[in-house]
C-alpha atoms as a PDB file:
ATOM      1  CA  MET A   1     -16.605  -4.380  21.932  1.00  0.00           C
ATOM      2  CA  LEU A   2     -16.670  -3.488  18.280  1.00  0.00           C
ATOM      3  CA  ASN A   3     -19.984  -3.392  16.451  1.00  0.00           C
ATOM      4  CA  LYS A   4     -21.229  -2.132  13.099  1.00  0.00           C
ATOM      5  CA  GLN A   5     -22.477   1.139  14.556  1.00  0.00           C
ATOM      6  CA  SER A   6     -19.133   1.867  16.196  1.00  0.00           C
ATOM      7  CA  VAL A   7     -17.309   2.452  12.926  1.00  0.00           C
ATOM      8  CA  ALA A   8     -17.371   6.015  11.654  1.00  0.00           C
ATOM      9  CA  ARG A   9     -17.705   7.029   8.029  1.00  0.00           C
ATOM     10  CA  PRO A  10     -14.540   6.509   5.933  1.00  0.00           C
ATOM     11  CA  ALA A  11     -11.985   9.280   6.231  1.00  0.00           C
ATOM     12  CA  ARG A  12     -11.449  11.445   3.162  1.00  0.00           C
ATOM     13  CA  GLN A  13      -8.964   9.765   0.870  1.00  0.00           C
ATOM     14  CA  ILE A  14      -5.692  11.582   0.280  1.00  0.00           C
ATOM     15  CA  SER A  15      -3.856  11.078  -2.995  1.00  0.00           C
ATOM     16  CA  PHE A  16      -0.180  10.169  -2.807  1.00  0.00           C
ATOM     17  CA  THR A  17       0.142   9.717  -6.564  1.00  0.00           C
ATOM     18  CA  VAL A  18       2.127  11.350  -9.339  1.00  0.00           C
ATOM     19  CA  ILE A  19      -0.483  10.967 -12.072  1.00  0.00           C
ATOM     20  CA  ARG A  20       0.805  11.072 -15.631  1.00  0.00           C
ATOM     21  CA  GLY A  21      -0.776  10.656 -19.033  1.00  0.00           C
ATOM     22  CA  ALA A  22      -1.315   7.084 -20.162  1.00  0.00           C
ATOM     23  CA  ARG A  23      -2.420   5.084 -23.166  1.00  0.00           C
ATOM     24  CA  GLN A  24      -6.057   4.113 -22.948  1.00  0.00           C
ATOM     25  CA  GLY A  25      -6.419   0.877 -21.034  1.00  0.00           C
ATOM     26  CA  VAL A  26      -3.066   1.151 -19.246  1.00  0.00           C
ATOM     27  CA  SER A  27      -3.393   1.412 -15.474  1.00  0.00           C
ATOM     28  CA  PRO A  28      -2.129   4.545 -13.727  1.00  0.00           C
ATOM     29  CA  VAL A  29      -0.225   2.236 -11.355  1.00  0.00           C
ATOM     30  CA  LEU A  30       1.856   0.882 -14.240  1.00  0.00           C
ATOM     31  CA  MET A  31       2.373   4.337 -15.752  1.00  0.00           C
ATOM     32  CA  ASN A  32       3.554   5.827 -12.474  1.00  0.00           C
ATOM     33  CA  LEU A  33       5.825   2.849 -11.812  1.00  0.00           C
ATOM     34  CA  LEU A  34       7.366   3.236 -15.278  1.00  0.00           C
ATOM     35  CA  TYR A  35       8.013   6.958 -14.778  1.00  0.00           C
ATOM     36  CA  ASP A  36       9.528   6.181 -11.377  1.00  0.00           C
ATOM     37  CA  THR A  37      12.041   3.781 -12.966  1.00  0.00           C
ATOM     38  CA  GLY A  38      15.388   4.878 -14.404  1.00  0.00           C
ATOM     39  CA  ALA A  39      16.131   4.602 -18.120  1.00  0.00           C
ATOM     40  CA  PRO A  40      18.818   1.874 -17.763  1.00  0.00           C
ATOM     41  CA  ALA A  41      16.404  -0.344 -15.815  1.00  0.00           C
ATOM     42  CA  LEU A  42      13.626   0.332 -18.322  1.00  0.00           C
ATOM     43  CA  ALA A  43      15.912  -0.585 -21.219  1.00  0.00           C
ATOM     44  CA  PHE A  44      16.853  -3.829 -19.467  1.00  0.00           C
ATOM     45  CA  LEU A  45      13.213  -4.696 -18.812  1.00  0.00           C
ATOM     46  CA  ALA A  46      12.202  -3.887 -22.390  1.00  0.00           C
ATOM     47  CA  GLU A  47      14.885  -6.239 -23.669  1.00  0.00           C
ATOM     48  CA  ARG A  48      13.766  -8.904 -21.204  1.00  0.00           C
ATOM     49  CA  TYR A  49      10.271  -8.672 -22.670  1.00  0.00           C
ATOM     50  CA  GLY A  50      11.553  -9.181 -26.200  1.00  0.00           C
ATOM     51  CA  LEU A  51      12.203  -5.639 -27.398  1.00  0.00           C
ATOM     52  CA  GLN A  52      15.634  -5.401 -28.959  1.00  0.00           C
ATOM     53  CA  ARG A  53      17.761  -2.600 -27.543  1.00  0.00           C
ATOM     54  CA  ILE A  54      18.043   0.408 -29.874  1.00  0.00           C
ATOM     55  CA  PRO A  55      21.333   2.354 -29.693  1.00  0.00           C
ATOM     56  CA  GLY A  56      20.751   5.971 -28.740  1.00  0.00           C
ATOM     57  CA  LEU A  57      17.324   5.334 -27.236  1.00  0.00           C
ATOM     58  CA  THR A  58      18.113   6.485 -23.707  1.00  0.00           C
ATOM     59  CA  SER A  59      15.290   8.730 -22.497  1.00  0.00           C
ATOM     60  CA  ASN A  60      12.619   7.445 -20.130  1.00  0.00           C
ATOM     61  CA  GLN A  61       9.811   8.811 -22.286  1.00  0.00           C
ATOM     62  CA  ALA A  62      11.081   7.158 -25.461  1.00  0.00           C
ATOM     63  CA  ILE A  63      11.584   3.780 -23.806  1.00  0.00           C
ATOM     64  CA  ILE A  64       8.191   3.931 -22.076  1.00  0.00           C
ATOM     65  CA  SER A  65       6.472   4.831 -25.352  1.00  0.00           C
ATOM     66  CA  ARG A  66       8.107   1.848 -27.026  1.00  0.00           C
ATOM     67  CA  ILE A  67       7.112  -0.489 -24.208  1.00  0.00           C
ATOM     68  CA  LEU A  68       3.498   0.664 -24.364  1.00  0.00           C
ATOM     69  CA  LYS A  69       3.414   0.394 -28.156  1.00  0.00           C
ATOM     70  CA  TYR A  70       4.752  -3.135 -28.518  1.00  0.00           C
ATOM     71  CA  LEU A  71       3.848  -5.048 -25.348  1.00  0.00           C
ATOM     72  CA  GLY A  72       0.409  -6.642 -25.060  1.00  0.00           C
ATOM     73  CA  PRO A  73      -1.969  -6.367 -22.079  1.00  0.00           C
ATOM     74  CA  GLN A  74      -0.751  -9.571 -20.414  1.00  0.00           C
ATOM     75  CA  GLN A  75       2.892  -8.574 -20.816  1.00  0.00           C
ATOM     76  CA  LEU A  76       2.159  -5.138 -19.361  1.00  0.00           C
ATOM     77  CA  GLU A  77       0.429  -6.742 -16.385  1.00  0.00           C
ATOM     78  CA  ARG A  78       3.454  -8.966 -15.753  1.00  0.00           C
ATOM     79  CA  LEU A  79       5.724  -5.951 -16.133  1.00  0.00           C
ATOM     80  CA  LYS A  80       3.697  -4.114 -13.490  1.00  0.00           C
ATOM     81  CA  ASP A  81       4.091  -7.079 -11.139  1.00  0.00           C
ATOM     82  CA  ASP A  82       7.843  -7.135 -11.817  1.00  0.00           C
ATOM     83  CA  LEU A  83       8.165  -3.432 -11.021  1.00  0.00           C
ATOM     84  CA  ILE A  84       6.208  -3.839  -7.786  1.00  0.00           C
ATOM     85  CA  ALA A  85       8.291  -6.857  -6.785  1.00  0.00           C
ATOM     86  CA  SER A  86      11.516  -4.969  -7.465  1.00  0.00           C
ATOM     87  CA  ARG A  87      10.470  -2.264  -5.010  1.00  0.00           C
ATOM     88  CA  PHE A  88       8.790  -4.219  -2.238  1.00  0.00           C
ATOM     89  CA  GLY A  89       9.329  -7.936  -2.818  1.00  0.00           C
ATOM     90  CA  ALA A  90      12.462  -8.300  -0.700  1.00  0.00           C
ATOM     91  CA  LEU A  91      11.016  -6.537   2.353  1.00  0.00           C
ATOM     92  CA  SER A  92       9.764  -8.441   5.387  1.00  0.00           C
ATOM     93  CA  VAL A  93       6.446  -7.602   7.043  1.00  0.00           C
ATOM     94  CA  GLU A  94       8.360  -5.545   9.605  1.00  0.00           C
ATOM     95  CA  GLY A  95      10.200  -3.753   6.807  1.00  0.00           C
ATOM     96  CA  LEU A  96       6.952  -2.992   4.972  1.00  0.00           C
ATOM     97  CA  VAL A  97       5.365  -1.665   8.156  1.00  0.00           C
ATOM     98  CA  LYS A  98       8.345   0.601   8.797  1.00  0.00           C
ATOM     99  CA  LEU A  99       8.269   1.812   5.191  1.00  0.00           C
ATOM    100  CA  ALA A 100       4.571   2.650   5.478  1.00  0.00           C
ATOM    101  CA  VAL A 101       5.219   4.592   8.689  1.00  0.00           C
ATOM    102  CA  VAL A 102       8.165   6.449   7.115  1.00  0.00           C
ATOM    103  CA  ARG A 103       6.021   7.382   4.107  1.00  0.00           C
ATOM    104  CA  ASP A 104       3.324   8.657   6.485  1.00  0.00           C
ATOM    105  CA  ARG A 105       5.873  10.858   8.230  1.00  0.00           C
ATOM    106  CA  GLN A 106       7.321  12.155   4.947  1.00  0.00           C
ATOM    107  CA  GLN A 107       3.861  13.014   3.657  1.00  0.00           C
ATOM    108  CA  THR A 108       2.627  14.821   6.751  1.00  0.00           C
ATOM    109  CA  GLY A 109       5.788  16.037   8.448  1.00  0.00           C
ATOM    110  CA  ARG A 110       4.419  14.780  11.770  1.00  0.00           C
ATOM    111  CA  ALA A 111       6.035  12.440  14.258  1.00  0.00           C
ATOM    112  CA  ALA A 112       5.605   8.740  13.526  1.00  0.00           C
ATOM    113  CA  PRO A 113       4.058   6.379  16.099  1.00  0.00           C
ATOM    114  CA  ARG A 114       6.508   4.616  18.408  1.00  0.00           C
ATOM    115  CA  LEU A 115       6.334   1.002  17.256  1.00  0.00           C
ATOM    116  CA  ASP A 116       8.467  -0.190  20.169  1.00  0.00           C
ATOM    117  CA  GLN A 117       5.839   0.886  22.701  1.00  0.00           C
ATOM    118  CA  VAL A 118       3.439  -1.987  21.968  1.00  0.00           C
ATOM    119  CA  SER A 119       4.129  -5.588  22.911  1.00  0.00           C
ATOM    120  CA  ARG A 120       2.586  -8.380  20.853  1.00  0.00           C
ATOM    121  CA  GLU A 121       2.329 -10.521  23.975  1.00  0.00           C
ATOM    122  CA  GLY A 122      -0.791  -8.761  25.227  1.00  0.00           C
ATOM    123  CA  ALA A 123      -2.717  -9.049  21.963  1.00  0.00           C
ATOM    124  CA  ARG A 124      -5.928 -11.096  21.987  1.00  0.00           C
ATOM    125  CA  LEU A 125      -7.484 -12.405  18.780  1.00  0.00           C
ATOM    126  CA  VAL A 126     -11.247 -11.763  18.791  1.00  0.00           C
ATOM    127  CA  GLU A 127     -12.016 -12.799  15.221  1.00  0.00           C
ATOM    128  CA  GLY A 128      -9.777 -14.325  12.577  1.00  0.00           C
ATOM    129  CA  SER A 129     -10.142 -15.623   9.032  1.00  0.00           C
ATOM    130  CA  THR A 130      -8.126 -15.462   5.818  1.00  0.00           C
ATOM    131  CA  GLN A 131      -9.405 -11.946   5.093  1.00  0.00           C
ATOM    132  CA  ARG A 132     -10.435 -10.301   8.364  1.00  0.00           C
ATOM    133  CA  TRP A 133      -8.825 -10.058  11.785  1.00  0.00           C
ATOM    134  CA  ILE A 134     -10.018  -8.270  14.903  1.00  0.00           C
ATOM    135  CA  TYR A 135      -7.628  -7.944  17.829  1.00  0.00           C
ATOM    136  CA  THR A 136      -7.843  -6.353  21.244  1.00  0.00           C
ATOM    137  CA  LEU A 137      -4.501  -4.750  21.976  1.00  0.00           C
ATOM    138  CA  ARG A 138      -3.789  -2.752  25.130  1.00  0.00           C
ATOM    139  CA  GLY A 139      -7.515  -2.120  25.510  1.00  0.00           C
ATOM    140  CA  HIS A 140      -7.996  -1.012  21.895  1.00  0.00           C
ATOM    141  CA  ASP A 141     -10.033  -2.725  19.177  1.00  0.00           C
ATOM    142  CA  VAL A 142      -8.065  -3.108  15.939  1.00  0.00           C
ATOM    143  CA  VAL A 143      -9.420  -4.336  12.591  1.00  0.00           C
ATOM    144  CA  VAL A 144      -7.603  -5.416   9.423  1.00  0.00           C
ATOM    145  CA  ASP A 145      -9.992  -6.450   6.640  1.00  0.00           C
ATOM    146  CA  THR A 146      -8.206  -7.217   3.375  1.00  0.00           C
ATOM    147  CA  ALA A 147     -11.385  -8.090   1.444  1.00  0.00           C
ATOM    148  CA  GLN A 148     -12.854  -4.639   2.144  1.00  0.00           C
ATOM    149  CA  ARG A 149      -9.455  -2.883   2.150  1.00  0.00           C
ATOM    150  CA  LEU A 150     -10.323  -1.546   5.583  1.00  0.00           C
ATOM    151  CA  LEU A 151      -8.120  -0.588   8.543  1.00  0.00           C
ATOM    152  CA  ALA A 152      -9.652   0.534  11.824  1.00  0.00           C
ATOM    153  CA  CYS A 153      -8.646   1.306  15.397  1.00  0.00           C
ATOM    154  CA  ASP A 154     -10.199   3.162  18.326  1.00  0.00           C
ATOM    155  CA  CYS A 155      -7.033   4.781  19.714  1.00  0.00           C
ATOM    156  CA  ARG A 156      -6.766   8.557  19.933  1.00  0.00           C
ATOM    157  CA  TYR A 157      -3.782   8.732  17.564  1.00  0.00           C
ATOM    158  CA  PHE A 158      -5.749   7.020  14.803  1.00  0.00           C
ATOM    159  CA  GLN A 159      -8.634   9.482  15.136  1.00  0.00           C
ATOM    160  CA  PHE A 160      -6.306  11.997  13.472  1.00  0.00           C
ATOM    161  CA  ALA A 161      -3.984   9.663  11.517  1.00  0.00           C
ATOM    162  CA  ALA A 162      -6.907   8.132   9.613  1.00  0.00           C
ATOM    163  CA  HIS A 163      -7.574  11.440   7.862  1.00  0.00           C
ATOM    164  CA  ARG A 164      -4.108  11.316   6.298  1.00  0.00           C
ATOM    165  CA  GLN A 165      -4.125   7.521   5.772  1.00  0.00           C
ATOM    166  CA  GLY A 166      -1.562   6.904   8.481  1.00  0.00           C
ATOM    167  CA  LEU A 167      -1.025   3.768  10.537  1.00  0.00           C
ATOM    168  CA  CYS A 168      -1.132   3.803  14.315  1.00  0.00           C
ATOM    169  CA  LYS A 169       1.130   1.604  16.449  1.00  0.00           C
ATOM    170  CA  HIS A 170      -1.720  -0.835  17.115  1.00  0.00           C
ATOM    171  CA  LEU A 171      -2.402  -1.455  13.408  1.00  0.00           C
ATOM    172  CA  ALA A 172       1.323  -1.723  12.756  1.00  0.00           C
ATOM    173  CA  THR A 173       1.530  -4.398  15.459  1.00  0.00           C
ATOM    174  CA  VAL A 174      -1.482  -6.350  14.179  1.00  0.00           C
ATOM    175  CA  PHE A 175       0.070  -6.542  10.703  1.00  0.00           C
ATOM    176  CA  GLN A 176       2.942  -8.399  12.361  1.00  0.00           C
ATOM    177  CA  LEU A 177       0.532 -10.784  14.109  1.00  0.00           C
ATOM    178  CA  ILE A 178      -1.581 -11.962  11.171  1.00  0.00           C
ATOM    179  CA  PRO A 179      -0.193 -14.639   8.798  1.00  0.00           C
ATOM    180  CA  GLU A 180       2.773 -13.318   6.842  1.00  0.00           C
ATOM    181  CA  VAL A 181       1.409 -14.068   3.371  1.00  0.00           C
ATOM    182  CA  TYR A 182      -1.709 -11.957   3.990  1.00  0.00           C
ATOM    183  CA  ALA A 183       0.148  -9.177   5.785  1.00  0.00           C
ATOM    184  CA  ARG A 184       2.690  -8.814   2.976  1.00  0.00           C
ATOM    185  CA  GLU A 185       0.022  -8.774   0.291  1.00  0.00           C
ATOM    186  CA  ALA A 186      -2.029  -6.167   2.137  1.00  0.00           C
ATOM    187  CA  LEU A 187       0.898  -3.884   2.961  1.00  0.00           C
ATOM    188  CA  ILE A 188       2.283  -3.974  -0.573  1.00  0.00           C
ATOM    189  CA  ASP A 189      -1.176  -3.231  -1.978  1.00  0.00           C
ATOM    190  CA  LEU A 190      -1.516  -0.332   0.459  1.00  0.00           C
ATOM    191  CA  LEU A 191       1.883   1.135  -0.425  1.00  0.00           C
ATOM    192  CA  VAL A 192       1.373   0.727  -4.177  1.00  0.00           C
ATOM    193  CA  SER A 193      -2.151   2.133  -4.276  1.00  0.00           C
ATOM    194  CA  ARG A 194      -1.376   5.311  -2.391  1.00  0.00           C
ATOM    195  CA  GLN A 195       2.023   6.004  -3.981  1.00  0.00           C
ATOM    196  CA  TYR A 196       1.368   4.937  -7.562  1.00  0.00           C
ATOM    197  CA  GLY A 197      -2.409   4.708  -7.945  1.00  0.00           C
ATOM    198  CA  GLY A 198      -4.724   6.985  -9.891  1.00  0.00           C
ATOM    199  CA  PRO A 199      -8.175   8.394  -9.078  1.00  0.00           C
ATOM    200  CA  ASP A 200      -9.880   5.098  -9.927  1.00  0.00           C
ATOM    201  CA  THR A 201      -7.381   2.807  -8.197  1.00  0.00           C
ATOM    202  CA  PRO A 202      -9.033   0.871  -5.337  1.00  0.00           C
ATOM    203  CA  ARG A 203      -8.010   2.532  -2.081  1.00  0.00           C
ATOM    204  CA  TRP A 204      -7.729   1.386   1.493  1.00  0.00           C
ATOM    205  CA  ARG A 205     -10.162   2.954   3.940  1.00  0.00           C
ATOM    206  CA  PHE A 206      -8.829   4.210   7.269  1.00  0.00           C
ATOM    207  CA  ILE A 207     -11.735   4.274   9.695  1.00  0.00           C
ATOM    208  CA  PRO A 208     -11.613   5.501  13.305  1.00  0.00           C
ATOM    209  CA  ILE A 209     -13.710   3.339  15.620  1.00  0.00           C
ATOM    210  CA  HIS A 210     -15.930   5.109  18.112  1.00  0.00           C
ATOM    211  CA  LYS A 211     -16.769   2.838  21.029  1.00  0.00           C
ATOM    212  CA  SER A 212     -20.264   2.896  22.432  1.00  0.00           C
ATOM    213  CA  ASN A 213     -20.497   3.682  26.130  1.00  0.00           C
END
C-alpha cells in the first residue's frame, strides 16, 4: 500500500510553453493565450471589454498592445478566464483526458497509452476527499492530489512517462472516476499550465510511486 516513503522525488519539469515578452505584472499564461489567438478574435474580445474597434488595426501585436495598455488587472484576469474557457470549457472530462494524452504524444512522439484497456469497474477507492483521491486499479496505486498539484502511479509506463509529464492509463481512468467538477478543474489547469505557463507558473508534479517490498 502507498506510504510517504514510497513516492520518489518529483520528476524534472518539462516546459511546454511558448514564452513571450510581457508587460510587468501580466501573467505569462495570459500573454501566451493572447499570442495564440487570431487577430479577428482578439479584436472582438477587445470590443467586448469596452475598447472601440479601430479601422486598420489588424495585427495581433497591435491589438494585444492596446489590450494591455487600456484594460485593468481585473479585466485582464477575466479575459484570461474567457480565453481558457474558449479553448477547454466545452470539453467533457473524457475529452480533456484524450486531449492531454494527444498532447503528450505530440510532444514526445511516443505511443499513447491505450485508454480502452482499463475498466473502471475494478477500481477501488482507498482514500477520497474534495482534493485528494487514492485508488487501487488493476493492482496499481494511483493518486490525484489537486491541492498539491500531484499525480502519481506505480505502473511501469508511468516510471518513464512521468519524466515527460505524461499520463498513464490508470491516471486517465481515475480522472474519470473522481467528481466531474474537480476532474475538469484539474485537467484544465494541467493543460493550461504546461502549454501556456511561464517559468514561475505553478506546475503539476508527476511522481512515480515505488512500492516497498
